[in-house]
C-alpha atoms as a PDB file:
ATOM      1  CA  UNK A   1      -1.928  12.019  14.858  1.00  0.00           C
ATOM      2  CA  UNK A   2       1.337  13.618  13.463  1.00  0.00           C
ATOM      3  CA  UNK A   3       1.696  14.333   9.685  1.00  0.00           C
ATOM      4  CA  UNK A   4       5.090  13.041   9.994  1.00  0.00           C
ATOM      5  CA  UNK A   5       5.276   9.032   9.125  1.00  0.00           C
ATOM      6  CA  UNK A   6       8.243   6.797   9.518  1.00  0.00           C
ATOM      7  CA  UNK A   7      10.188   5.300   7.511  1.00  0.00           C
ATOM      8  CA  UNK A   8      10.890   7.483   4.962  1.00  0.00           C
ATOM      9  CA  UNK A   9      10.704   6.633   1.395  1.00  0.00           C
ATOM     10  CA  UNK A  10      12.853   8.576  -1.282  1.00  0.00           C
ATOM     11  CA  UNK A  11      12.560   6.268  -4.032  1.00  0.00           C
ATOM     12  CA  UNK A  12       9.207   4.989  -5.541  1.00  0.00           C
ATOM     13  CA  UNK A  13       8.666   1.853  -7.506  1.00  0.00           C
ATOM     14  CA  UNK A  14       7.942   2.620 -11.316  1.00  0.00           C
ATOM     15  CA  UNK A  15       4.825   3.071 -12.717  1.00  0.00           C
ATOM     16  CA  UNK A  16       2.419  -0.258 -13.563  1.00  0.00           C
ATOM     17  CA  UNK A  17       0.697   0.070 -16.737  1.00  0.00           C
ATOM     18  CA  UNK A  18      -2.262  -2.635 -16.456  1.00  0.00           C
ATOM     19  CA  UNK A  19      -4.073  -4.359 -19.461  1.00  0.00           C
ATOM     20  CA  UNK A  20      -7.684  -5.391 -19.443  1.00  0.00           C
ATOM     21  CA  UNK A  21      -8.543  -8.007 -16.878  1.00  0.00           C
ATOM     22  CA  UNK A  22      -5.134  -7.095 -14.937  1.00  0.00           C
ATOM     23  CA  UNK A  23      -5.042  -6.214 -11.398  1.00  0.00           C
ATOM     24  CA  UNK A  24      -2.323  -4.611  -9.021  1.00  0.00           C
ATOM     25  CA  UNK A  25      -2.284  -5.050  -5.183  1.00  0.00           C
ATOM     26  CA  UNK A  26      -0.218  -2.108  -3.621  1.00  0.00           C
ATOM     27  CA  UNK A  27       0.964  -2.415  -0.036  1.00  0.00           C
ATOM     28  CA  UNK A  28       2.585   0.324   1.908  1.00  0.00           C
ATOM     29  CA  UNK A  29       2.722   0.706   6.180  1.00  0.00           C
ATOM     30  CA  UNK A  30       3.752   3.593   7.773  1.00  0.00           C
ATOM     31  CA  UNK A  31       4.584   4.586  11.630  1.00  0.00           C
ATOM     32  CA  UNK A  32       3.370   7.734  13.291  1.00  0.00           C
ATOM     33  CA  UNK A  33       4.099   9.853  16.071  1.00  0.00           C
ATOM     34  CA  UNK A  34       1.724  10.785  18.443  1.00  0.00           C
ATOM     35  CA  UNK A  35       1.419  14.840  18.677  1.00  0.00           C
ATOM     36  CA  UNK A  36       0.647  15.047  22.520  1.00  0.00           C
ATOM     37  CA  UNK A  37       0.787  11.752  24.249  1.00  0.00           C
ATOM     38  CA  UNK A  38       4.074  10.378  22.461  1.00  0.00           C
ATOM     39  CA  UNK A  39       2.919   7.066  21.532  1.00  0.00           C
ATOM     40  CA  UNK A  40       3.170   5.465  18.041  1.00  0.00           C
ATOM     41  CA  UNK A  41       0.289   4.335  16.182  1.00  0.00           C
ATOM     42  CA  UNK A  42       0.974   1.631  13.151  1.00  0.00           C
ATOM     43  CA  UNK A  43      -0.932   1.692   9.881  1.00  0.00           C
ATOM     44  CA  UNK A  44      -1.027  -0.708   7.021  1.00  0.00           C
ATOM     45  CA  UNK A  45      -2.545   0.042   3.709  1.00  0.00           C
ATOM     46  CA  UNK A  46      -3.453  -2.225   0.760  1.00  0.00           C
ATOM     47  CA  UNK A  47      -4.752  -1.020  -2.345  1.00  0.00           C
ATOM     48  CA  UNK A  48      -6.555  -3.430  -5.097  1.00  0.00           C
ATOM     49  CA  UNK A  49      -7.030  -1.804  -8.502  1.00  0.00           C
ATOM     50  CA  UNK A  50      -8.577  -3.869 -11.130  1.00  0.00           C
ATOM     51  CA  UNK A  51      -8.549  -2.888 -15.008  1.00  0.00           C
ATOM     52  CA  UNK A  52     -11.993  -3.687 -17.137  1.00  0.00           C
ATOM     53  CA  UNK A  53     -15.127  -5.462 -16.166  1.00  0.00           C
ATOM     54  CA  UNK A  54     -14.486  -7.604 -12.853  1.00  0.00           C
ATOM     55  CA  UNK A  55     -16.410 -10.204 -10.788  1.00  0.00           C
ATOM     56  CA  UNK A  56     -16.981 -10.389  -7.156  1.00  0.00           C
ATOM     57  CA  UNK A  57     -14.111 -12.452  -6.256  1.00  0.00           C
ATOM     58  CA  UNK A  58     -11.535 -10.979  -8.748  1.00  0.00           C
ATOM     59  CA  UNK A  59      -9.434  -9.775  -5.380  1.00  0.00           C
ATOM     60  CA  UNK A  60      -9.574 -13.201  -4.092  1.00  0.00           C
ATOM     61  CA  UNK A  61      -7.139 -14.478  -6.696  1.00  0.00           C
ATOM     62  CA  UNK A  62      -3.014 -13.950  -7.338  1.00  0.00           C
ATOM     63  CA  UNK A  63      -2.660 -10.477  -8.440  1.00  0.00           C
ATOM     64  CA  UNK A  64      -1.139  -9.855 -11.933  1.00  0.00           C
ATOM     65  CA  UNK A  65       1.015  -7.025 -10.291  1.00  0.00           C
ATOM     66  CA  UNK A  66       2.301  -6.687  -6.392  1.00  0.00           C
ATOM     67  CA  UNK A  67       4.041  -3.503  -5.073  1.00  0.00           C
ATOM     68  CA  UNK A  68       5.385  -4.183  -1.952  1.00  0.00           C
ATOM     69  CA  UNK A  69       6.562  -1.013  -0.269  1.00  0.00           C
ATOM     70  CA  UNK A  70       6.186  -2.377   3.412  1.00  0.00           C
ATOM     71  CA  UNK A  71       9.421  -1.397   5.688  1.00  0.00           C
ATOM     72  CA  UNK A  72      10.519  -2.712   9.001  1.00  0.00           C
ATOM     73  CA  UNK A  73       9.212   0.027  11.425  1.00  0.00           C
ATOM     74  CA  UNK A  74      11.196  -0.063  14.656  1.00  0.00           C
END
């Protein structure tokens, strides 16, 4: 896989400060060009971060903050 991913993101969202008991869900997607075979590979990454003590079902609830950096991938 290539180290170059599309689309380029020149502006990142502002930082989020979590208070105890809050959680953040961040999503970003990429399209990678194959180095030798010329094909495309797609990846969706979802990161869940919780601040403070938590329970097993914490991430089944609605996040306090959500950052969506997904873009249209041709």
